[in-house]
Structures are given as structure tokens and as C-alpha cells.
Amino acid sequence: MKIIMIAAMVLLSVNMRINSQDLSGNLYSAELMYNIPMITSIVWDSDGRMFFTEKSGAIRMVSAAGKLQEPPLVTLDVRQQNEDGVLSMALDPQFADNGYFYVYYTPAPNEDGLKFNVVERLTVKDGKAVDPITLWRLPNLSPLHQHHGGRLIVDPEGYLYVSIGDMSHWNVRSQEVDQVEGKIHRFAIVGDQLKIPQDNPFPNSSVWAYGLRNVYSFLVDPVTRDLLATNNGPDCDDGILSVSAGDNFGWGLIPMSGDDKTYCSNPNRLKGAKPALVSYTTPTIAPTGIALYEGDLFPEFKGHLLFCGYKPAQLFHVPLNADHDGFAGDIQTVNVDQNMGCSIELAIGPDGLIYFTNAVGMYRLLPM
């Protein structure tokens, strides 16, 4: 998946709606909330305040009453080449008391010219994000400024998960547990540091799962406690994954040589890998945001996994089975105008509405 930065940025709250329906004939209304391009993650605190990240560097807060704070909490100095920028944030489990949140981004090069990605902790105080502390500085920046992964999730037990793509080192490092690329990592948050939990699957390693090309987003499944993730392949093997400790999803089992077509035509490319719940091969969709709907406003989505596709700019939904280890029906599409389609982030608000973003702005899906 390749996300290109749009330079123009207009901060407007608007009230434009377009009606849509899924393949079962259910009707919805898609409403443009903020004309802010390239919003990469959305989270809410226990008071109902929304926080979101802009790829270009801003981290913003919206009150529970829906008022967008000006100015942003902070505007980080980031590189903006290709997929560089602010990719996600996550709130600390004790956010209501300590104001801590975590952010993954690609800073502008420092004075010595070094380039890297970081996981950083900031603190919300008096309407500002202050006191940055670098928790993890990642080596081996992508030479093509892509495949950073970059999703942060704090699970119910307080562990921090971080997805790191292959960083355009193709697949040569994704199978090597001592390399950071092509993995989902799991950390314990201890004071101002990230520590490796003793129950991680590999000794003295933060690696939770590997053999991944570029996991854009994931969530913690409330039934299995495993992860449900979107993974971007080359010209094949885009997947929706169920991720358990130690899983290998195959990127790098066969070295990448030649073009994508040659790799994708190799029948042994995923031999020995854990299969995806669903895989997209020619055409791929570049799956991005993912969410599990458990609200009541959309009863037809209850127990459904929702995910977005960057290429078609569409929102998909599919029911999970009772054990949440497979699908219980067909994948369906919520058809909206492509200019209002879901191509980046997807989140379920505390109001039970479905929020999604693209290169134009943030939207929410309303039942009719």
C-alpha cells in the first residue's frame, strides 16, 4: 500500500451527506465531519473526547460535545515523503489520570542527518501535548519511505503492540526474529521504558508474530484475545489475519526475486505459513483500517468485522463465527461514493457510529 501526502489542508467542519447501501439493501448516510486530509488514526478517551493523528504531523482533540480544539495538541516535525509521517497513536490505560499517550511517527532528520522512526510518549496537559519521551528508536529506515507499518495498540492488560512493515527491505528480514522489520512487536510499559514481557513467544525478543509485509492496522479480539489484522502483500496475498503468539505469515519464506508477478506465481511462496482468514490476489485491495462492531445502531453489523480497502476506497463487512476463528458469511461492501470512501482509518465511536477517513477527510456512517 502506498499513501501519498496531499499538501492542501482546510480545517472545516461540514455537513455533507451521501446516501449509500450494502449489497443486502441496507441504507446508510455517509457524513463528512472534517475536511482534513490523511487522518491516520482515531481514538477516544473514557470521557468521550476524540483524538486523531494527521499524517502531516498534527495531533488533534475533539471535545465530547464535538468541538474541534484549535490549535492542535501538538504539531510534530515529520518527514512527509511517500508514507512517512504520523501513523498512529494509542492512549495509556491510565490516561484519565496521567494524560499519557503513545505515537508512532517518522521525524524530520536530525542535525547529524540520521533518519529513523520512533515510538514516543507525550502527555496531555492544559490542551497541549508536552514532555515527549522517546521509548523506541527504530533503525534501518525504509530507503523508499514506505512500509512502516506503524499501528499502536494497548491491549486490556496494558501491553503495547507495534506493527513494523518490511520497510522496503522486501522480505529478507521478515523471517529473521532478531530483526525488527516485518513483525508485530509486544512490550510491557514500565515507567518511561518498554520492556520485553517474559511470556513473549521468543526468548528476549519483542517479536509477537512475523513473516509480515506491512500490517497497517489491527485490533485485540475480545473473544479470543488474539489480534485481527490487515496485511498488505505485493501483487498478491493481501490478507485479513488472525494473529496468535509466534505466528509466521510467510513473507520471506521464499526470497523475493524478479518482479511481483514472478513471486506471486510461485505456488510454494506461503508453504508452511499460517493462512489468512481471507486473501486477495490480483487484484489486491491494500487493506487498511479494521474494526469489530459490537454496538446497537447497526444491528446488521453486530459481530461483524469491518475493514477498508485503500485501492477501491470501500468499506467491507463480514460476520465472524462464534469462536471468532473464521467467517460465518460472505464479505459484503458498503457502497459509497469513491470520494467519500474508506481508504485509511476505521474506528467505532463510543456513540456506536462508524468513523472512517481517506485522503479528503473524516466521515461517519449513519443509519437511515
Protein backbone atom coordinates (compact mmCIF):
# COMPACT_ATOMS: atom_id res chain seq x y z
CA MET A 1 0.00 0.00 0.00
CA LYS A 2 1.27 3.44 -0.86
CA ILE A 3 -0.17 6.57 0.74
CA ILE A 4 0.73 9.87 -0.89
CA MET A 5 0.55 13.08 1.11
CA ILE A 6 -1.86 15.80 -0.05
CA ALA A 7 -0.42 19.20 0.77
CA ALA A 8 -3.57 21.31 0.90
CA MET A 9 -5.22 21.30 4.29
CA VAL A 10 -8.52 23.04 5.05
CA LEU A 11 -9.83 22.75 8.61
CA LEU A 12 -13.56 22.78 8.21
CA SER A 13 -16.43 21.00 9.92
CA VAL A 14 -19.04 20.36 7.26
CA ASN A 15 -22.42 18.69 6.95
CA MET A 16 -22.37 16.97 3.57
CA ARG A 17 -24.11 13.61 3.32
CA ILE A 18 -24.34 10.96 0.63
CA ASN A 19 -26.71 8.03 0.94
CA SER A 20 -25.37 4.50 0.40
CA GLN A 21 -26.32 0.88 0.88
CA ASP A 22 -24.71 -2.53 1.24
CA LEU A 23 -25.41 -5.49 -1.01
CA SER A 24 -28.27 -6.57 1.27
CA GLY A 25 -30.06 -3.30 0.59
CA ASN A 26 -29.45 -1.68 3.99
CA LEU A 27 -29.42 2.10 3.67
CA TYR A 28 -26.86 4.44 5.26
CA SER A 29 -25.83 8.06 5.19
CA ALA A 30 -22.13 8.99 4.93
CA GLU A 31 -21.41 12.35 6.54
CA LEU A 32 -18.22 14.36 6.07
CA MET A 33 -17.19 15.62 9.50
CA TYR A 34 -13.81 17.30 8.96
CA ASN A 35 -12.20 18.31 5.69
CA ILE A 36 -8.77 17.34 6.99
CA PRO A 37 -6.74 15.08 4.68
CA MET A 38 -4.87 11.91 5.63
CA ILE A 39 -6.13 11.24 9.17
CA THR A 40 -4.25 8.08 10.10
CA SER A 41 -5.72 7.05 13.47
CA ILE A 42 -8.69 7.86 15.72
CA VAL A 43 -9.13 7.02 19.43
CA TRP A 44 -11.44 8.11 22.25
CA ASP A 45 -10.84 8.52 25.97
CA SER A 46 -13.25 7.48 28.74
CA ASP A 47 -14.78 11.00 28.76
CA GLY A 48 -15.80 10.70 25.11
CA ARG A 49 -13.13 13.02 23.73
CA MET A 50 -11.81 12.09 20.30
CA PHE A 51 -8.11 12.24 19.46
CA PHE A 52 -6.75 11.83 15.95
CA THR A 53 -3.47 12.00 14.08
CA GLU A 54 -2.72 13.70 10.80
CA LYS A 55 -0.01 12.21 8.62
CA SER A 56 1.48 15.70 8.20
CA GLY A 57 2.26 15.98 11.93
CA ALA A 58 -0.71 17.38 13.85
CA ILE A 59 -2.35 15.54 16.75
CA ARG A 60 -5.82 16.88 17.47
CA MET A 61 -8.50 16.69 20.13
CA VAL A 62 -12.29 16.99 19.81
CA SER A 63 -14.41 17.55 22.91
CA ALA A 64 -17.16 15.10 23.85
CA ALA A 65 -19.59 17.75 22.58
CA GLY A 66 -17.94 17.63 19.14
CA LYS A 67 -15.87 20.85 19.20
CA LEU A 68 -12.52 20.62 17.42
CA GLN A 69 -9.84 22.30 19.52
CA GLU A 70 -7.68 24.90 17.85
CA PRO A 71 -4.74 24.81 17.80
CA PRO A 72 -3.73 21.10 17.71
CA LEU A 73 -2.40 19.45 20.86
CA VAL A 74 0.96 19.37 19.09
CA THR A 75 2.35 19.51 15.56
CA LEU A 76 5.29 17.16 15.23
CA ASP A 77 8.16 17.89 12.86
CA VAL A 78 7.90 14.95 10.48
CA ARG A 79 9.21 13.82 7.12
CA GLN A 80 6.46 13.74 4.52
CA GLN A 81 7.98 11.67 1.75
CA ASN A 82 5.73 8.91 0.47
CA GLU A 83 4.38 7.02 3.53
CA ASP A 84 6.43 8.95 6.13
CA GLY A 85 4.64 10.93 8.83
CA VAL A 86 2.48 10.34 11.88
CA LEU A 87 0.93 6.90 11.54
CA SER A 88 -0.95 6.21 14.76
CA MET A 89 -1.49 6.91 18.44
CA ALA A 90 -2.75 4.94 21.44
CA LEU A 91 -3.88 6.08 24.87
CA ASP A 92 -2.30 4.78 28.05
CA PRO A 93 -4.61 2.57 30.19
CA GLN A 94 -4.38 5.23 32.92
CA PHE A 95 -4.85 8.13 30.52
CA ALA A 96 -7.63 9.66 32.64
CA ASP A 97 -5.12 10.05 35.50
CA ASN A 98 -1.75 10.55 33.80
CA GLY A 99 -2.61 12.01 30.37
CA TYR A 100 -0.08 9.72 28.64
CA PHE A 101 -0.42 8.68 25.02
CA TYR A 102 1.90 6.95 22.57
CA VAL A 103 2.59 7.93 18.97
CA TYR A 104 4.49 6.29 16.12
CA TYR A 105 6.00 8.62 13.52
CA THR A 106 8.91 9.39 11.21
CA PRO A 107 10.67 12.55 12.44
CA ALA A 108 12.46 15.01 10.22
CA PRO A 109 16.18 14.12 10.05
CA ASN A 110 18.17 15.46 12.97
CA GLU A 111 21.31 17.57 12.67
CA ASP A 112 23.60 14.62 12.00
CA GLY A 113 21.40 13.55 9.08
CA LEU A 114 20.24 10.30 10.63
CA LYS A 115 16.78 9.11 9.67
CA PHE A 116 14.66 6.80 11.78
CA ASN A 117 11.17 6.06 13.13
CA VAL A 118 10.19 6.44 16.76
CA VAL A 119 7.62 5.38 19.31
CA GLU A 120 7.22 8.33 21.64
CA ARG A 121 5.20 9.09 24.75
CA LEU A 122 3.61 12.50 25.24
CA THR A 123 1.40 13.91 27.98
CA VAL A 124 -1.79 15.94 27.53
CA LYS A 125 -1.73 18.96 29.85
CA ASP A 126 -3.90 22.06 29.59
CA GLY A 127 -4.86 21.43 25.97
CA LYS A 128 -1.32 20.69 24.80
CA ALA A 129 0.78 17.54 24.27
CA VAL A 130 4.06 18.05 26.13
CA ASP A 131 7.03 16.24 27.69
CA PRO A 132 7.99 13.93 24.79
CA ILE A 133 9.94 10.83 25.76
CA THR A 134 11.37 8.51 23.08
CA LEU A 135 10.61 4.91 24.04
CA TRP A 136 11.85 3.16 20.90
CA ARG A 137 14.02 4.47 18.10
CA LEU A 138 13.88 2.12 15.13
CA PRO A 139 16.98 1.60 12.97
CA ASN A 140 17.11 0.82 9.26
CA LEU A 141 14.72 3.40 7.89
CA SER A 142 12.99 2.44 4.65
CA PRO A 143 15.08 3.68 1.70
CA LEU A 144 11.83 4.14 -0.25
CA HIS A 145 9.98 5.80 2.66
CA GLN A 146 7.30 3.11 2.77
CA HIS A 147 6.04 0.01 4.59
CA HIS A 148 6.47 1.45 8.06
CA GLY A 149 3.51 -0.47 9.48
CA GLY A 150 3.13 1.85 12.43
CA ARG A 151 -0.04 0.80 14.24
CA LEU A 152 -0.02 1.09 18.04
CA ILE A 153 -2.49 -0.77 20.25
CA VAL A 154 -2.61 -1.05 24.04
CA ASP A 155 -4.44 -4.25 25.00
CA PRO A 156 -6.74 -4.66 28.05
CA GLU A 157 -3.80 -5.96 30.10
CA GLY A 158 -1.72 -2.86 29.34
CA TYR A 159 0.73 -4.34 26.82
CA LEU A 160 1.76 -2.18 23.88
CA TYR A 161 1.73 -3.76 20.42
CA VAL A 162 3.54 -2.16 17.47
CA SER A 163 3.39 -3.25 13.83
CA ILE A 164 6.51 -2.71 11.71
CA GLY A 165 6.43 -3.35 7.97
CA ASP A 166 9.33 -4.71 5.97
CA MET A 167 10.49 -1.08 5.50
CA SER A 168 11.02 -1.79 1.77
CA HIS A 169 13.82 -4.24 2.56
CA TRP A 170 11.50 -6.58 0.68
CA ASN A 171 11.21 -9.83 2.55
CA VAL A 172 14.81 -10.51 3.53
CA ARG A 173 14.35 -9.52 7.20
CA SER A 174 10.76 -10.53 7.84
CA GLN A 175 11.73 -14.14 8.68
CA GLU A 176 14.61 -13.14 10.98
CA VAL A 177 13.40 -12.87 14.56
CA ASP A 178 16.42 -10.74 15.53
CA GLN A 179 15.40 -8.04 13.02
CA VAL A 180 12.60 -5.54 13.69
CA GLU A 181 11.11 -5.47 10.19
CA GLY A 182 8.08 -7.47 9.07
CA LYS A 183 6.77 -8.06 12.58
CA ILE A 184 4.22 -7.26 15.24
CA HIS A 185 6.04 -6.46 18.48
CA ARG A 186 4.72 -6.67 22.06
CA PHE A 187 6.07 -4.67 25.00
CA ALA A 188 5.31 -4.12 28.66
CA ILE A 189 5.18 -0.43 29.58
CA VAL A 190 7.32 0.03 32.68
CA GLY A 191 7.69 3.62 33.79
CA ASP A 192 9.42 5.50 30.98
CA GLN A 193 10.61 2.34 29.22
CA LEU A 194 9.39 -0.51 27.05
CA LYS A 195 10.34 -3.93 28.39
CA ILE A 196 10.13 -7.37 26.79
CA PRO A 197 7.49 -9.50 28.57
CA GLN A 198 8.65 -12.89 29.78
CA ASP A 199 5.72 -14.63 28.10
CA ASN A 200 6.54 -13.37 24.60
CA PRO A 201 6.92 -16.33 22.22
CA PHE A 202 10.65 -15.86 21.53
CA PRO A 203 13.19 -15.51 24.38
CA ASN A 204 14.46 -11.97 24.94
CA SER A 205 12.57 -10.73 21.89
CA SER A 206 9.77 -8.23 21.45
CA VAL A 207 8.50 -10.17 18.41
CA TRP A 208 4.91 -11.42 18.74
CA ALA A 209 4.36 -12.52 15.11
CA TYR A 210 6.48 -12.37 11.96
CA GLY A 211 6.62 -13.02 8.22
CA LEU A 212 4.54 -9.89 7.59
CA ARG A 213 4.94 -7.44 4.74
CA ASN A 214 3.06 -4.41 6.05
CA VAL A 215 0.41 -4.66 8.77
CA TYR A 216 -1.41 -1.36 8.55
CA SER A 217 -3.90 -1.88 11.38
CA PHE A 218 -5.02 -4.44 13.93
CA LEU A 219 -7.21 -4.87 17.00
CA VAL A 220 -7.46 -7.14 20.02
CA ASP A 221 -10.29 -9.64 19.59
CA PRO A 222 -12.43 -9.59 22.76
CA VAL A 223 -13.32 -13.30 22.44
CA THR A 224 -10.00 -14.93 21.56
CA ARG A 225 -7.61 -12.22 22.84
CA ASP A 226 -5.74 -12.76 19.58
CA LEU A 227 -5.18 -9.96 17.10
CA LEU A 228 -7.18 -9.34 13.94
CA ALA A 229 -5.03 -7.52 11.40
CA THR A 230 -4.85 -6.15 7.86
CA ASN A 231 -1.70 -7.11 5.96
CA ASN A 232 -0.62 -5.65 2.61
CA GLY A 233 1.07 -8.06 0.22
CA PRO A 234 2.82 -7.36 -3.10
CA ASP A 235 0.59 -8.05 -6.14
CA CYS A 236 -0.82 -10.97 -4.17
CA ASP A 237 -1.57 -12.08 -0.62
CA ASP A 238 -3.28 -9.04 0.84
CA GLY A 239 -4.89 -10.59 3.88
CA ILE A 240 -7.14 -10.29 6.88
CA LEU A 241 -5.26 -12.20 9.58
CA SER A 242 -5.96 -13.80 12.94
CA VAL A 243 -2.67 -13.41 14.81
CA SER A 244 -1.57 -15.57 17.77
CA ALA A 245 1.75 -15.55 19.58
CA GLY A 246 4.58 -16.87 17.42
CA ASP A 247 2.65 -16.99 14.14
CA ASN A 248 4.56 -16.85 10.85
CA PHE A 249 2.59 -15.47 7.88
CA GLY A 250 5.14 -16.36 5.22
CA TRP A 251 6.62 -13.16 3.83
CA GLY A 252 10.25 -14.12 3.24
CA LEU A 253 9.86 -17.90 3.22
CA ILE A 254 10.76 -17.65 -0.46
CA PRO A 255 13.13 -14.77 -1.26
CA MET A 256 11.73 -12.02 -3.42
CA SER A 257 13.45 -12.13 -6.79
CA GLY A 258 12.36 -10.57 -10.03
CA ASP A 259 9.02 -8.81 -10.15
CA ASP A 260 5.83 -9.28 -8.15
CA LYS A 261 4.35 -11.41 -10.93
CA THR A 262 7.18 -13.94 -10.69
CA TYR A 263 6.88 -14.11 -6.92
CA CYS A 264 3.10 -14.37 -6.92
CA SER A 265 3.10 -17.20 -9.46
CA ASN A 266 5.29 -19.37 -7.20
CA PRO A 267 2.95 -21.98 -5.66
CA ASN A 268 5.32 -22.54 -2.73
CA ARG A 269 5.61 -18.91 -1.62
CA LEU A 270 3.47 -19.43 1.52
CA LYS A 271 4.22 -23.10 2.18
CA GLY A 272 4.43 -23.53 5.96
CA ALA A 273 2.83 -20.17 6.74
CA LYS A 274 -0.33 -19.58 8.73
CA PRO A 275 -3.11 -18.87 6.22
CA ALA A 276 -5.10 -15.66 6.22
CA LEU A 277 -8.80 -15.59 7.06
CA VAL A 278 -9.20 -14.20 3.56
CA SER A 279 -6.58 -13.38 0.95
CA TYR A 280 -6.86 -11.01 -2.02
CA THR A 281 -4.80 -11.93 -5.05
CA THR A 282 -4.89 -9.97 -8.33
CA PRO A 283 -6.41 -7.56 -7.82
CA THR A 284 -5.27 -6.69 -4.34
CA ILE A 285 -7.18 -4.10 -2.30
CA ALA A 286 -4.47 -2.78 0.10
CA PRO A 287 -6.50 -3.35 3.31
CA THR A 288 -6.11 -0.59 5.87
CA GLY A 289 -8.32 0.23 8.89
CA ILE A 290 -10.04 -2.59 10.77
CA ALA A 291 -12.70 -2.65 13.50
CA LEU A 292 -15.12 -5.04 15.20
CA TYR A 293 -18.69 -3.80 15.51
CA GLU A 294 -20.40 -4.58 18.82
CA GLY A 295 -22.82 -1.64 19.02
CA ASP A 296 -26.57 -1.46 18.57
CA LEU A 297 -27.06 1.33 16.00
CA PHE A 298 -26.23 -1.04 13.14
CA PRO A 299 -27.81 -4.37 14.14
CA GLU A 300 -26.93 -5.84 10.74
CA PHE A 301 -23.23 -5.32 11.61
CA LYS A 302 -23.41 -6.84 15.11
CA GLY A 303 -20.49 -9.26 15.48
CA HIS A 304 -19.09 -8.26 12.08
CA LEU A 305 -15.51 -7.48 11.24
CA LEU A 306 -15.23 -4.26 9.24
CA PHE A 307 -12.22 -3.27 7.17
CA CYS A 308 -11.29 -0.74 4.49
CA GLY A 309 -9.53 -1.07 1.16
CA TYR A 310 -7.18 1.71 0.06
CA LYS A 311 -7.31 0.86 -3.65
CA PRO A 312 -11.11 0.58 -4.10
CA ALA A 313 -11.82 3.14 -1.33
CA GLN A 314 -14.54 0.87 0.05
CA LEU A 315 -15.81 -0.33 3.40
CA PHE A 316 -16.25 -4.10 3.78
CA HIS A 317 -18.03 -6.13 6.46
CA VAL A 318 -18.24 -9.84 7.24
CA PRO A 319 -19.73 -11.80 10.17
CA LEU A 320 -17.36 -13.70 12.44
CA ASN A 321 -18.28 -17.16 13.68
CA ALA A 322 -18.99 -17.82 17.36
CA ASP A 323 -15.36 -18.72 18.10
CA HIS A 324 -14.01 -15.74 16.13
CA ASP A 325 -11.61 -18.00 14.25
CA GLY A 326 -13.28 -17.69 10.87
CA PHE A 327 -16.04 -16.04 8.89
CA ALA A 328 -19.70 -17.04 9.15
CA GLY A 329 -20.83 -15.50 5.87
CA ASP A 330 -19.77 -13.66 2.76
CA ILE A 331 -17.83 -10.41 2.69
CA GLN A 332 -20.08 -7.55 1.66
CA THR A 333 -19.38 -4.00 0.54
CA VAL A 334 -20.96 -0.81 1.84
CA ASN A 335 -21.10 1.16 -1.38
CA VAL A 336 -20.37 4.85 -1.01
CA ASP A 337 -19.20 7.42 -3.50
CA GLN A 338 -15.46 6.81 -4.01
CA ASN A 339 -14.71 10.39 -2.98
CA MET A 340 -16.28 9.56 0.38
CA GLY A 341 -14.90 6.03 0.61
CA CYS A 342 -12.97 4.34 3.42
CA SER A 343 -9.31 4.11 2.46
CA ILE A 344 -7.24 4.81 5.60
CA GLU A 345 -8.54 4.66 9.19
CA LEU A 346 -11.63 2.93 10.57
CA ALA A 347 -12.92 3.22 14.16
CA ILE A 348 -16.09 2.66 16.17
CA GLY A 349 -17.04 5.64 18.32
CA PRO A 350 -18.48 5.48 21.85
CA ASP A 351 -21.72 6.67 20.21
CA GLY A 352 -21.86 3.43 18.21
CA LEU A 353 -21.27 5.19 14.89
CA ILE A 354 -18.67 4.10 12.35
CA TYR A 355 -15.91 6.61 11.59
CA PHE A 356 -13.53 6.36 8.64
CA THR A 357 -11.04 8.50 6.74
CA ASN A 358 -9.48 8.99 3.34
CA ALA A 359 -7.31 11.50 1.51
CA VAL A 360 -10.06 14.11 1.77
CA GLY A 361 -11.28 13.95 5.35
CA MET A 362 -13.04 12.17 8.20
CA TYR A 363 -16.51 10.72 7.77
CA ARG A 364 -19.04 8.85 9.83
CA LEU A 365 -21.59 6.33 8.69
CA LEU A 366 -25.11 6.91 9.99
CA PRO A 367 -28.09 4.53 9.86
CA MET A 368 -31.10 5.87 7.98
